[in-house]
């Protein structure tokens, strides 16, 4: 099944921004060029690979579509090539030293938004049941980031502060609902992307978290 122009656009954008975040995490972990490319690839394409396996679309586009693979590797190369320039600026302007962390959060939000929608759109196009389409959309959004963080030997971001997975699954549910009533168009699809992104960035800005059980320890550092 060839991707529609909308599906391909969502995939390319999602792969690129998630791969950038993967490359930044790799540099923060002091990995070499190969490590940067590996983390960029798995972050950008990991969620899509899981999506296709869940939907029975094999082999996954993450290893067959040269456009997606090239986009992920290109993002990793860009991060690696320009990291030295950033470090030079950060050394002269200490206030910018936290730019990598902030950049990862923004890129994560963009990738989360695009992939949650892309995953659910592909699922409904394949006539998946509504619940399966929601689950696939959410897992597409968070899958690559989980693999990235595990390879970087850190607790996955999805399990830590601020709402993360919730906006992804809610956005996927919105896509499925719009499709059910016949309102899923390119315009409403992109509006879903903006809604997820806005919710995620609001959660970061306002430090919105899911509740934790009383007495379970410091609630900071937990996110859902």
N, C-alpha and C. Protein backbone atom coordinates (compact mmCIF):
# COMPACT_ATOMS: atom_id res chain seq x y z
N UNK A 1 0.85 -1.20 0.00
CA UNK A 1 0.00 0.00 0.00
C UNK A 1 0.88 1.23 0.00
N UNK A 2 0.77 2.03 -1.04
CA UNK A 2 1.58 3.25 -1.14
C UNK A 2 0.99 4.32 -0.24
N UNK A 3 1.84 5.09 0.47
CA UNK A 3 1.31 6.14 1.35
C UNK A 3 0.68 7.26 0.54
N UNK A 4 -0.37 7.85 1.08
CA UNK A 4 -0.98 9.02 0.45
C UNK A 4 -0.06 10.21 0.66
N UNK A 5 -0.23 11.28 -0.13
CA UNK A 5 0.62 12.47 0.08
C UNK A 5 0.55 13.00 1.51
N UNK A 6 -0.64 12.98 2.12
CA UNK A 6 -0.78 13.44 3.51
C UNK A 6 -0.01 12.55 4.46
N UNK A 7 -0.15 11.22 4.28
CA UNK A 7 0.55 10.28 5.14
C UNK A 7 2.06 10.43 5.00
N UNK A 8 2.53 10.58 3.76
CA UNK A 8 3.96 10.73 3.54
C UNK A 8 4.48 12.02 4.16
N UNK A 9 3.72 13.10 4.03
CA UNK A 9 4.13 14.38 4.63
C UNK A 9 4.25 14.26 6.15
N UNK A 10 3.25 13.64 6.78
CA UNK A 10 3.29 13.45 8.23
C UNK A 10 4.50 12.60 8.64
N UNK A 11 4.73 11.52 7.89
CA UNK A 11 5.85 10.64 8.22
C UNK A 11 7.18 11.35 8.08
N UNK A 12 7.37 12.09 6.99
CA UNK A 12 8.65 12.78 6.76
C UNK A 12 8.92 13.81 7.84
N UNK A 13 7.90 14.59 8.19
CA UNK A 13 8.08 15.61 9.24
C UNK A 13 8.39 14.94 10.57
N UNK A 14 7.60 13.91 10.90
CA UNK A 14 7.81 13.21 12.16
C UNK A 14 9.18 12.57 12.26
N UNK A 15 9.60 11.91 11.19
CA UNK A 15 10.92 11.27 11.18
C UNK A 15 12.02 12.31 11.37
N UNK A 16 11.93 13.42 10.67
CA UNK A 16 12.99 14.43 10.72
C UNK A 16 13.13 15.03 12.12
N UNK A 17 12.02 15.48 12.71
CA UNK A 17 12.13 16.15 14.01
C UNK A 17 12.47 15.16 15.12
N UNK A 18 11.92 13.95 15.06
CA UNK A 18 12.26 12.95 16.07
C UNK A 18 13.72 12.52 15.93
N UNK A 19 14.20 12.41 14.69
CA UNK A 19 15.60 12.04 14.47
C UNK A 19 16.53 13.14 14.99
N UNK A 20 16.14 14.40 14.82
CA UNK A 20 16.93 15.49 15.39
C UNK A 20 17.03 15.35 16.91
N UNK A 21 15.90 15.04 17.55
CA UNK A 21 15.93 14.89 19.01
C UNK A 21 16.79 13.69 19.41
N UNK A 22 16.72 12.62 18.61
CA UNK A 22 17.56 11.46 18.90
C UNK A 22 19.04 11.79 18.78
N UNK A 23 19.40 12.56 17.76
CA UNK A 23 20.79 12.97 17.60
C UNK A 23 21.26 13.85 18.74
N UNK A 24 20.39 14.74 19.22
CA UNK A 24 20.76 15.61 20.34
C UNK A 24 20.96 14.81 21.62
N UNK A 25 20.10 13.82 21.85
CA UNK A 25 20.27 12.97 23.03
C UNK A 25 21.57 12.18 22.92
N UNK A 26 21.90 11.71 21.71
CA UNK A 26 23.14 10.96 21.51
C UNK A 26 24.36 11.83 21.83
N UNK A 27 24.33 13.09 21.41
CA UNK A 27 25.45 13.99 21.70
C UNK A 27 25.52 14.30 23.19
N UNK A 28 24.38 14.42 23.82
CA UNK A 28 24.36 14.67 25.26
C UNK A 28 24.94 13.47 26.01
N UNK A 29 24.84 12.27 25.41
CA UNK A 29 25.40 11.06 26.01
C UNK A 29 26.82 10.80 25.55
N UNK A 30 27.40 11.75 24.78
CA UNK A 30 28.79 11.66 24.30
C UNK A 30 29.03 10.47 23.39
N UNK A 31 28.06 10.15 22.53
CA UNK A 31 28.24 9.08 21.57
C UNK A 31 28.99 9.59 20.33
N UNK A 32 29.60 8.65 19.58
CA UNK A 32 30.32 9.04 18.38
C UNK A 32 29.34 9.17 17.21
N UNK A 33 29.90 9.40 16.01
CA UNK A 33 29.05 9.63 14.84
C UNK A 33 28.11 8.46 14.59
N UNK A 34 28.63 7.23 14.71
CA UNK A 34 27.77 6.07 14.48
C UNK A 34 26.64 6.03 15.51
N UNK A 35 26.98 6.32 16.75
CA UNK A 35 25.97 6.33 17.79
C UNK A 35 24.91 7.39 17.54
N UNK A 36 25.33 8.55 17.05
CA UNK A 36 24.38 9.62 16.73
C UNK A 36 23.43 9.17 15.63
N UNK A 37 23.97 8.53 14.59
CA UNK A 37 23.14 8.07 13.48
C UNK A 37 22.18 6.97 13.93
N UNK A 38 22.66 6.07 14.78
CA UNK A 38 21.79 4.99 15.27
C UNK A 38 20.64 5.57 16.08
N UNK A 39 20.93 6.48 17.03
CA UNK A 39 19.86 7.05 17.84
C UNK A 39 18.92 7.91 17.00
N UNK A 40 19.47 8.61 16.01
CA UNK A 40 18.61 9.40 15.13
C UNK A 40 17.67 8.48 14.35
N UNK A 41 18.20 7.38 13.85
CA UNK A 41 17.38 6.45 13.06
C UNK A 41 16.29 5.80 13.91
N UNK A 42 16.66 5.26 15.08
CA UNK A 42 15.67 4.55 15.88
C UNK A 42 14.61 5.51 16.44
N UNK A 43 15.03 6.74 16.74
CA UNK A 43 14.05 7.70 17.26
C UNK A 43 13.09 8.14 16.17
N UNK A 44 13.63 8.38 14.98
CA UNK A 44 12.79 8.84 13.89
C UNK A 44 11.92 7.76 13.29
N UNK A 45 12.40 6.53 13.27
CA UNK A 45 11.70 5.47 12.56
C UNK A 45 11.16 4.35 13.45
N UNK A 46 11.59 4.34 14.71
CA UNK A 46 11.18 3.25 15.60
C UNK A 46 9.69 3.18 15.79
N UNK A 47 9.03 4.32 16.02
CA UNK A 47 7.60 4.32 16.21
C UNK A 47 6.85 3.83 14.98
N UNK A 48 7.31 4.24 13.80
CA UNK A 48 6.69 3.81 12.56
C UNK A 48 6.87 2.32 12.30
N UNK A 49 8.02 1.79 12.69
CA UNK A 49 8.25 0.35 12.53
C UNK A 49 7.28 -0.44 13.42
N UNK A 50 7.14 0.01 14.67
CA UNK A 50 6.21 -0.67 15.58
C UNK A 50 4.78 -0.57 15.04
N UNK A 51 4.42 0.61 14.53
CA UNK A 51 3.08 0.81 13.95
C UNK A 51 2.80 -0.19 12.84
N UNK A 52 3.74 -0.31 11.90
CA UNK A 52 3.52 -1.20 10.76
C UNK A 52 3.46 -2.66 11.18
N UNK A 53 4.27 -3.04 12.16
CA UNK A 53 4.21 -4.41 12.65
C UNK A 53 2.86 -4.69 13.30
N UNK A 54 2.33 -3.74 14.07
CA UNK A 54 1.03 -3.92 14.71
C UNK A 54 -0.09 -4.01 13.67
N UNK A 55 0.08 -3.28 12.56
CA UNK A 55 -0.95 -3.27 11.52
C UNK A 55 -0.75 -4.37 10.48
N UNK A 56 0.30 -5.17 10.64
CA UNK A 56 0.56 -6.25 9.70
C UNK A 56 1.11 -5.78 8.37
N UNK A 57 1.70 -4.58 8.35
CA UNK A 57 2.28 -4.03 7.12
C UNK A 57 3.78 -4.34 7.11
N UNK A 58 4.14 -5.46 6.54
CA UNK A 58 5.55 -5.86 6.54
C UNK A 58 6.07 -6.01 5.11
N UNK A 59 7.37 -5.75 4.91
CA UNK A 59 8.29 -5.16 5.89
C UNK A 59 7.94 -3.71 6.17
N UNK A 60 8.27 -3.20 7.37
CA UNK A 60 7.91 -1.83 7.74
C UNK A 60 8.57 -0.80 6.82
N UNK A 61 7.88 0.34 6.65
CA UNK A 61 8.44 1.39 5.79
C UNK A 61 9.73 1.95 6.35
N UNK A 62 9.94 1.77 7.66
CA UNK A 62 11.17 2.29 8.27
C UNK A 62 12.43 1.63 7.76
N UNK A 63 12.29 0.48 7.10
CA UNK A 63 13.48 -0.18 6.54
C UNK A 63 13.34 -0.39 5.03
N UNK A 64 12.24 0.10 4.45
CA UNK A 64 12.05 -0.10 3.01
C UNK A 64 11.92 1.21 2.23
N UNK A 65 11.42 2.26 2.85
CA UNK A 65 11.22 3.53 2.15
C UNK A 65 12.48 4.37 2.28
N UNK A 66 13.22 4.50 1.19
CA UNK A 66 14.51 5.20 1.24
C UNK A 66 14.33 6.66 1.64
N UNK A 67 13.19 7.25 1.35
CA UNK A 67 12.96 8.65 1.71
C UNK A 67 12.95 8.84 3.22
N UNK A 68 12.31 7.91 3.92
CA UNK A 68 12.25 8.00 5.37
C UNK A 68 13.60 7.69 6.01
N UNK A 69 14.26 6.65 5.50
CA UNK A 69 15.57 6.27 6.04
C UNK A 69 16.57 7.40 5.83
N UNK A 70 16.58 7.97 4.63
CA UNK A 70 17.51 9.06 4.33
C UNK A 70 17.22 10.28 5.18
N UNK A 71 15.95 10.57 5.41
CA UNK A 71 15.57 11.72 6.23
C UNK A 71 16.08 11.56 7.65
N UNK A 72 15.94 10.36 8.21
CA UNK A 72 16.42 10.12 9.56
C UNK A 72 17.93 10.25 9.68
N UNK A 73 18.65 9.68 8.72
CA UNK A 73 20.12 9.76 8.75
C UNK A 73 20.60 11.18 8.49
N UNK A 74 19.91 11.90 7.62
CA UNK A 74 20.28 13.28 7.33
C UNK A 74 20.13 14.16 8.57
N UNK A 75 19.06 13.94 9.32
CA UNK A 75 18.86 14.70 10.55
C UNK A 75 20.00 14.44 11.54
N UNK A 76 20.42 13.17 11.64
CA UNK A 76 21.54 12.85 12.51
C UNK A 76 22.83 13.53 12.09
N UNK A 77 23.08 13.56 10.79
CA UNK A 77 24.28 14.23 10.28
C UNK A 77 24.24 15.73 10.54
N UNK A 78 23.06 16.32 10.40
CA UNK A 78 22.93 17.76 10.64
C UNK A 78 23.26 18.09 12.10
N UNK A 79 22.71 17.30 13.01
CA UNK A 79 22.98 17.52 14.43
C UNK A 79 24.47 17.37 14.72
N UNK A 80 25.08 16.33 14.16
CA UNK A 80 26.50 16.08 14.40
C UNK A 80 27.36 17.21 13.83
N UNK A 81 27.02 17.68 12.64
CA UNK A 81 27.82 18.69 11.96
C UNK A 81 27.76 20.05 12.66
N UNK A 82 26.60 20.39 13.21
CA UNK A 82 26.43 21.72 13.78
C UNK A 82 26.59 21.75 15.30
N UNK A 83 26.84 20.62 15.90
CA UNK A 83 26.98 20.58 17.35
C UNK A 83 28.16 21.40 17.83
N UNK A 84 29.28 21.33 17.10
CA UNK A 84 30.46 22.08 17.49
C UNK A 84 30.21 23.58 17.50
N UNK A 85 29.47 24.06 16.52
CA UNK A 85 29.15 25.48 16.47
C UNK A 85 28.28 25.89 17.65
N UNK A 86 27.33 25.04 17.98
CA UNK A 86 26.47 25.33 19.13
C UNK A 86 27.29 25.38 20.42
N UNK A 87 28.19 24.42 20.59
CA UNK A 87 29.01 24.38 21.79
C UNK A 87 29.85 25.64 21.92
N UNK A 88 30.34 26.13 20.78
CA UNK A 88 31.13 27.36 20.79
C UNK A 88 30.30 28.54 21.26
N UNK A 89 29.07 28.62 20.77
CA UNK A 89 28.18 29.71 21.18
C UNK A 89 27.82 29.57 22.65
N UNK A 90 27.53 28.33 23.08
CA UNK A 90 27.14 28.10 24.47
C UNK A 90 28.26 28.44 25.44
N UNK A 91 29.51 28.19 25.03
CA UNK A 91 30.64 28.50 25.90
C UNK A 91 30.81 30.00 26.09
N UNK A 92 30.44 30.78 25.06
CA UNK A 92 30.54 32.23 25.16
C UNK A 92 29.32 32.84 25.83
N UNK A 93 28.20 32.14 25.75
CA UNK A 93 26.95 32.63 26.33
C UNK A 93 26.35 31.52 27.19
N UNK A 94 26.74 31.45 28.46
CA UNK A 94 26.31 30.36 29.34
C UNK A 94 24.80 30.20 29.43
N UNK A 95 24.06 31.29 29.24
CA UNK A 95 22.61 31.19 29.36
C UNK A 95 22.01 30.26 28.30
N UNK A 96 22.78 30.02 27.24
CA UNK A 96 22.29 29.14 26.18
C UNK A 96 22.70 27.68 26.39
N UNK A 97 23.35 27.41 27.50
CA UNK A 97 23.87 26.05 27.73
C UNK A 97 22.75 25.01 27.81
N UNK A 98 21.55 25.45 28.24
CA UNK A 98 20.44 24.50 28.34
C UNK A 98 19.63 24.40 27.07
N UNK A 99 20.15 24.92 25.97
CA UNK A 99 19.39 24.94 24.72
C UNK A 99 19.12 23.53 24.20
N UNK A 100 20.07 22.62 24.39
CA UNK A 100 19.87 21.26 23.90
C UNK A 100 18.66 20.62 24.58
N UNK A 101 18.59 20.76 25.91
CA UNK A 101 17.46 20.19 26.63
C UNK A 101 16.14 20.77 26.16
N UNK A 102 16.10 22.10 26.00
CA UNK A 102 14.87 22.74 25.55
C UNK A 102 14.53 22.33 24.12
N UNK A 103 15.58 22.20 23.29
CA UNK A 103 15.35 21.79 21.90
C UNK A 103 14.76 20.39 21.82
N UNK A 104 15.27 19.49 22.65
CA UNK A 104 14.75 18.12 22.65
C UNK A 104 13.28 18.12 23.02
N UNK A 105 12.89 18.94 23.99
CA UNK A 105 11.48 18.99 24.40
C UNK A 105 10.59 19.49 23.27
N UNK A 106 11.03 20.54 22.57
CA UNK A 106 10.22 21.08 21.48
C UNK A 106 10.14 20.08 20.32
N UNK A 107 11.28 19.52 19.94
CA UNK A 107 11.29 18.55 18.86
C UNK A 107 10.47 17.32 19.22
N UNK A 108 10.56 16.89 20.47
CA UNK A 108 9.76 15.77 20.93
C UNK A 108 8.27 16.07 20.78
N UNK A 109 7.89 17.31 21.12
CA UNK A 109 6.47 17.70 21.02
C UNK A 109 5.99 17.68 19.58
N UNK A 110 6.83 18.16 18.67
CA UNK A 110 6.46 18.14 17.25
C UNK A 110 6.33 16.70 16.76
N UNK A 111 7.35 15.88 17.05
CA UNK A 111 7.31 14.49 16.62
C UNK A 111 6.15 13.73 17.22
N UNK A 112 5.89 13.97 18.51
CA UNK A 112 4.78 13.33 19.19
C UNK A 112 3.46 13.65 18.48
N UNK A 113 3.27 14.92 18.16
CA UNK A 113 2.03 15.38 17.53
C UNK A 113 1.84 14.75 16.15
N UNK A 114 2.88 14.81 15.36
CA UNK A 114 2.79 14.33 13.98
C UNK A 114 2.61 12.82 13.94
N UNK A 115 3.36 12.10 14.75
CA UNK A 115 3.29 10.64 14.71
C UNK A 115 2.01 10.09 15.32
N UNK A 116 1.47 10.76 16.35
CA UNK A 116 0.20 10.30 16.91
C UNK A 116 -0.89 10.36 15.85
N UNK A 117 -0.89 11.45 15.08
CA UNK A 117 -1.88 11.60 14.02
C UNK A 117 -1.58 10.63 12.87
N UNK A 118 -0.30 10.56 12.47
CA UNK A 118 0.07 9.69 11.35
C UNK A 118 -0.27 8.23 11.63
N UNK A 119 0.00 7.78 12.85
CA UNK A 119 -0.29 6.40 13.19
C UNK A 119 -1.77 6.08 13.16
N UNK A 120 -2.57 6.98 13.73
CA UNK A 120 -4.01 6.73 13.76
C UNK A 120 -4.63 6.88 12.37
N UNK A 121 -4.11 7.82 11.57
CA UNK A 121 -4.61 7.97 10.20
C UNK A 121 -4.36 6.71 9.39
N UNK A 122 -3.16 6.17 9.49
CA UNK A 122 -2.85 4.95 8.74
C UNK A 122 -3.72 3.80 9.21
N UNK A 123 -3.97 3.73 10.51
CA UNK A 123 -4.79 2.65 11.05
C UNK A 123 -6.22 2.73 10.52
N UNK A 124 -6.80 3.93 10.50
CA UNK A 124 -8.19 4.03 10.01
C UNK A 124 -8.26 3.81 8.50
N UNK A 125 -7.18 4.18 7.80
CA UNK A 125 -7.15 3.91 6.36
C UNK A 125 -7.15 2.42 6.07
N UNK A 126 -6.61 1.64 7.01
CA UNK A 126 -6.59 0.19 6.86
C UNK A 126 -7.80 -0.48 7.51
N UNK A 127 -8.79 0.34 7.87
CA UNK A 127 -10.04 -0.15 8.46
C UNK A 127 -9.82 -0.91 9.76
N UNK A 128 -8.86 -0.45 10.56
CA UNK A 128 -8.65 -1.06 11.87
C UNK A 128 -9.80 -0.68 12.81
N UNK A 129 -10.12 -1.53 13.78
CA UNK A 129 -11.13 -1.16 14.79
C UNK A 129 -10.72 0.12 15.51
N UNK A 130 -11.70 0.85 16.01
CA UNK A 130 -11.42 2.17 16.58
C UNK A 130 -10.43 2.11 17.74
N UNK A 131 -10.55 1.11 18.60
CA UNK A 131 -9.63 1.01 19.74
C UNK A 131 -8.21 0.72 19.26
N UNK A 132 -8.09 -0.17 18.29
CA UNK A 132 -6.77 -0.49 17.74
C UNK A 132 -6.14 0.75 17.11
N UNK A 133 -6.94 1.56 16.42
CA UNK A 133 -6.42 2.76 15.77
C UNK A 133 -5.90 3.76 16.79
N UNK A 134 -6.58 3.89 17.92
CA UNK A 134 -6.12 4.80 18.98
C UNK A 134 -4.82 4.30 19.58
N UNK A 135 -4.77 3.01 19.89
CA UNK A 135 -3.56 2.43 20.49
C UNK A 135 -2.38 2.56 19.53
N UNK A 136 -2.61 2.25 18.26
CA UNK A 136 -1.54 2.35 17.27
C UNK A 136 -1.04 3.79 17.16
N UNK A 137 -1.95 4.76 17.15
CA UNK A 137 -1.54 6.16 17.08
C UNK A 137 -0.67 6.56 18.26
N UNK A 138 -1.09 6.18 19.46
CA UNK A 138 -0.31 6.52 20.65
C UNK A 138 1.05 5.86 20.67
N UNK A 139 1.10 4.58 20.33
CA UNK A 139 2.37 3.85 20.34
C UNK A 139 3.31 4.38 19.25
N UNK A 140 2.76 4.76 18.10
CA UNK A 140 3.59 5.35 17.05
C UNK A 140 4.28 6.60 17.57
N UNK A 141 3.55 7.38 18.39
CA UNK A 141 4.08 8.64 18.90
C UNK A 141 5.18 8.45 19.94
N UNK A 142 5.03 7.46 20.81
CA UNK A 142 5.96 7.33 21.93
C UNK A 142 7.01 6.24 21.74
N UNK A 143 6.82 5.37 20.73
CA UNK A 143 7.71 4.22 20.57
C UNK A 143 9.16 4.58 20.31
N UNK A 144 9.40 5.50 19.36
CA UNK A 144 10.77 5.86 19.03
C UNK A 144 11.50 6.50 20.19
N UNK A 145 10.80 7.36 20.94
CA UNK A 145 11.42 8.02 22.09
C UNK A 145 11.79 7.04 23.19
N UNK A 146 10.95 6.03 23.39
CA UNK A 146 11.27 5.02 24.41
C UNK A 146 12.53 4.26 24.03
N UNK A 147 12.62 3.83 22.77
CA UNK A 147 13.81 3.10 22.32
C UNK A 147 15.05 3.98 22.44
N UNK A 148 14.92 5.25 22.05
CA UNK A 148 16.04 6.21 22.14
C UNK A 148 16.57 6.30 23.56
N UNK A 149 15.66 6.49 24.52
CA UNK A 149 16.09 6.69 25.90
C UNK A 149 16.70 5.42 26.50
N UNK A 150 16.15 4.27 26.14
CA UNK A 150 16.73 3.02 26.64
C UNK A 150 18.14 2.82 26.11
N UNK A 151 18.36 3.14 24.81
CA UNK A 151 19.70 3.02 24.25
C UNK A 151 20.66 4.03 24.87
N UNK A 152 20.13 5.18 25.29
CA UNK A 152 20.96 6.22 25.91
C UNK A 152 21.11 5.97 27.41
N UNK A 153 20.58 4.84 27.90
CA UNK A 153 20.68 4.44 29.31
C UNK A 153 20.08 5.47 30.26
N UNK A 154 18.85 5.91 29.93
CA UNK A 154 18.14 6.80 30.82
C UNK A 154 16.68 6.37 30.90
N UNK A 155 16.02 6.77 31.97
CA UNK A 155 14.61 6.43 32.13
C UNK A 155 13.83 7.08 30.99
N UNK A 156 13.01 6.32 30.27
CA UNK A 156 12.27 6.90 29.15
C UNK A 156 11.50 8.16 29.54
N UNK A 157 11.59 9.17 28.69
CA UNK A 157 10.93 10.44 28.94
C UNK A 157 9.42 10.26 29.18
N UNK A 158 8.84 9.27 28.52
CA UNK A 158 7.39 9.08 28.62
C UNK A 158 6.97 8.74 30.05
N UNK A 159 7.90 8.25 30.87
CA UNK A 159 7.58 7.86 32.24
C UNK A 159 7.88 8.96 33.25
N UNK A 160 8.28 10.12 32.76
CA UNK A 160 8.70 11.18 33.67
C UNK A 160 7.77 12.39 33.59
N UNK A 161 8.31 13.55 33.94
CA UNK A 161 7.46 14.72 34.17
C UNK A 161 6.64 15.17 32.97
N UNK A 162 5.58 15.90 33.30
CA UNK A 162 4.65 16.52 32.36
C UNK A 162 3.88 15.50 31.52
N UNK A 163 2.68 15.89 31.15
CA UNK A 163 1.85 15.03 30.31
C UNK A 163 2.55 14.78 28.99
N UNK A 164 2.66 13.55 28.59
CA UNK A 164 3.35 13.18 27.35
C UNK A 164 2.53 12.18 26.55
N UNK A 165 2.35 11.00 27.11
CA UNK A 165 1.59 9.98 26.39
C UNK A 165 0.11 10.35 26.30
N UNK A 166 -0.42 11.01 27.33
CA UNK A 166 -1.85 11.35 27.35
C UNK A 166 -2.25 12.21 26.14
N UNK A 167 -1.52 13.29 25.82
CA UNK A 167 -1.90 14.06 24.62
C UNK A 167 -1.83 13.24 23.34
N UNK A 168 -0.87 12.32 23.26
CA UNK A 168 -0.74 11.48 22.06
C UNK A 168 -1.95 10.58 21.88
N UNK A 169 -2.35 9.88 22.95
CA UNK A 169 -3.49 8.98 22.84
C UNK A 169 -4.80 9.76 22.68
N UNK A 170 -4.90 10.92 23.34
CA UNK A 170 -6.10 11.74 23.18
C UNK A 170 -6.20 12.27 21.75
N UNK A 171 -5.06 12.68 21.18
CA UNK A 171 -5.07 13.15 19.80
C UNK A 171 -5.43 12.05 18.82
N UNK A 172 -4.91 10.85 19.08
CA UNK A 172 -5.26 9.71 18.23
C UNK A 172 -6.76 9.42 18.31
N UNK A 173 -7.32 9.53 19.52
CA UNK A 173 -8.75 9.32 19.69
C UNK A 173 -9.55 10.37 18.93
N UNK A 174 -9.04 11.61 18.92
CA UNK A 174 -9.72 12.68 18.18
C UNK A 174 -9.74 12.38 16.69
N UNK A 175 -8.62 11.88 16.17
CA UNK A 175 -8.56 11.51 14.75
C UNK A 175 -9.58 10.42 14.44
N UNK A 176 -9.63 9.41 15.28
CA UNK A 176 -10.56 8.30 15.06
C UNK A 176 -12.00 8.80 15.13
N UNK A 177 -12.29 9.71 16.08
CA UNK A 177 -13.63 10.25 16.18
C UNK A 177 -14.03 11.07 14.96
N UNK A 178 -13.11 11.89 14.47
CA UNK A 178 -13.39 12.68 13.27
C UNK A 178 -13.64 11.78 12.06
N UNK A 179 -12.87 10.70 11.97
CA UNK A 179 -13.07 9.77 10.86
C UNK A 179 -14.44 9.09 10.96
N UNK A 180 -14.86 8.78 12.17
CA UNK A 180 -16.14 8.09 12.37
C UNK A 180 -17.33 8.93 11.91
N UNK A 181 -17.20 10.26 12.07
CA UNK A 181 -18.32 11.14 11.67
C UNK A 181 -18.10 11.75 10.29
N UNK A 182 -17.03 11.33 9.62
CA UNK A 182 -16.79 11.80 8.26
C UNK A 182 -16.18 13.18 8.16
N UNK A 183 -15.53 13.63 9.23
CA UNK A 183 -14.95 14.97 9.24
C UNK A 183 -13.42 14.96 9.16
N UNK A 184 -12.85 13.81 8.87
CA UNK A 184 -11.38 13.74 8.81
C UNK A 184 -10.93 14.19 7.41
N UNK A 185 -10.44 15.40 7.33
CA UNK A 185 -9.94 15.99 6.09
C UNK A 185 -8.50 16.41 6.32
N UNK A 186 -7.76 16.79 5.26
CA UNK A 186 -6.40 17.31 5.49
C UNK A 186 -6.37 18.46 6.49
N UNK A 187 -7.36 19.36 6.43
CA UNK A 187 -7.38 20.50 7.35
C UNK A 187 -7.57 20.04 8.79
N UNK A 188 -8.56 19.18 9.04
CA UNK A 188 -8.79 18.74 10.42
C UNK A 188 -7.65 17.84 10.91
N UNK A 189 -6.99 17.17 9.98
CA UNK A 189 -5.83 16.35 10.37
C UNK A 189 -4.73 17.23 10.93
N UNK A 190 -4.42 18.33 10.23
CA UNK A 190 -3.37 19.24 10.71
C UNK A 190 -3.81 19.97 11.98
N UNK A 191 -5.11 20.22 12.12
CA UNK A 191 -5.60 20.83 13.36
C UNK A 191 -5.40 19.89 14.54
N UNK A 192 -5.55 18.59 14.29
CA UNK A 192 -5.27 17.60 15.34
C UNK A 192 -3.80 17.66 15.75
N UNK A 193 -2.92 17.79 14.77
CA UNK A 193 -1.49 17.91 15.06
C UNK A 193 -1.24 19.12 15.95
N UNK A 194 -1.83 20.26 15.59
CA UNK A 194 -1.64 21.49 16.37
C UNK A 194 -2.21 21.35 17.78
N UNK A 195 -3.34 20.64 17.91
CA UNK A 195 -3.95 20.47 19.23
C UNK A 195 -3.04 19.64 20.14
N UNK A 196 -2.47 18.58 19.61
CA UNK A 196 -1.57 17.74 20.42
C UNK A 196 -0.33 18.52 20.80
N UNK A 197 0.24 19.25 19.83
CA UNK A 197 1.45 20.03 20.11
C UNK A 197 1.16 21.09 21.17
N UNK A 198 0.06 21.79 21.04
CA UNK A 198 -0.28 22.83 22.01
C UNK A 198 -0.47 22.26 23.40
N UNK A 199 -1.13 21.11 23.49
CA UNK A 199 -1.34 20.47 24.79
C UNK A 199 -0.03 20.05 25.42
N UNK A 200 0.84 19.47 24.60
CA UNK A 200 2.13 19.02 25.14
C UNK A 200 2.98 20.19 25.62
N UNK A 201 3.05 21.27 24.83
CA UNK A 201 3.88 22.41 25.23
C UNK A 201 3.28 23.13 26.43
N UNK A 202 1.95 23.14 26.53
CA UNK A 202 1.31 23.72 27.72
C UNK A 202 1.67 22.91 28.95
N UNK A 203 1.72 21.59 28.81
CA UNK A 203 2.08 20.73 29.93
C UNK A 203 3.51 21.00 30.38
N UNK A 204 4.40 21.25 29.41
CA UNK A 204 5.80 21.56 29.76
C UNK A 204 5.88 22.92 30.46
N UNK A 205 5.20 23.92 29.90
CA UNK A 205 5.27 25.28 30.44
C UNK A 205 4.65 25.37 31.84
N UNK A 206 3.55 24.63 32.04
CA UNK A 206 2.83 24.71 33.31
C UNK A 206 3.17 23.58 34.26
N UNK A 207 4.07 22.68 33.83
CA UNK A 207 4.47 21.54 34.64
C UNK A 207 3.27 20.71 35.07
N UNK A 208 2.44 20.35 34.09
CA UNK A 208 1.25 19.56 34.35
C UNK A 208 1.61 18.08 34.37
N UNK A 209 1.24 17.38 35.42
CA UNK A 209 1.60 15.98 35.58
C UNK A 209 0.38 15.14 35.91
N UNK A 210 0.47 13.86 35.60
CA UNK A 210 -0.53 12.92 36.07
C UNK A 210 -0.32 12.71 37.57
N UNK A 211 -1.40 12.46 38.32
CA UNK A 211 -1.26 12.24 39.76
C UNK A 211 -0.52 10.94 40.07
N UNK A 212 0.16 10.94 41.20
CA UNK A 212 0.85 9.73 41.67
C UNK A 212 0.25 9.32 43.00
N UNK A 213 0.46 8.09 43.37
CA UNK A 213 -0.10 7.58 44.62
C UNK A 213 0.55 8.28 45.81
N UNK A 214 -0.22 8.63 46.83
CA UNK A 214 0.35 9.24 48.03
C UNK A 214 1.42 8.35 48.64
N UNK A 215 2.51 8.99 49.01
CA UNK A 215 3.60 8.25 49.65
C UNK A 215 4.47 7.47 48.71
N UNK A 216 4.32 7.72 47.39
CA UNK A 216 5.11 6.94 46.42
C UNK A 216 6.43 7.59 46.12
N UNK A 217 6.74 8.69 46.78
CA UNK A 217 8.02 9.36 46.53
C UNK A 217 7.80 10.67 45.82
N UNK A 218 8.90 11.26 45.38
CA UNK A 218 8.86 12.56 44.70
C UNK A 218 8.05 12.46 43.42
N UNK A 219 6.99 13.26 43.31
CA UNK A 219 6.16 13.21 42.12
C UNK A 219 6.85 13.79 40.92
N UNK A 220 7.86 14.66 41.14
CA UNK A 220 8.63 15.18 40.00
C UNK A 220 9.39 14.03 39.39
N UNK A 221 9.50 14.07 38.07
CA UNK A 221 10.21 13.01 37.39
C UNK A 221 9.28 11.92 36.92
N UNK A 222 7.93 12.13 37.11
CA UNK A 222 6.98 11.14 36.59
C UNK A 222 6.09 11.81 35.58
N UNK A 223 5.93 11.19 34.47
CA UNK A 223 5.11 11.74 33.42
C UNK A 223 4.33 10.64 32.73
N UNK A 224 3.13 10.97 32.23
CA UNK A 224 2.34 9.97 31.51
C UNK A 224 1.75 10.59 30.28
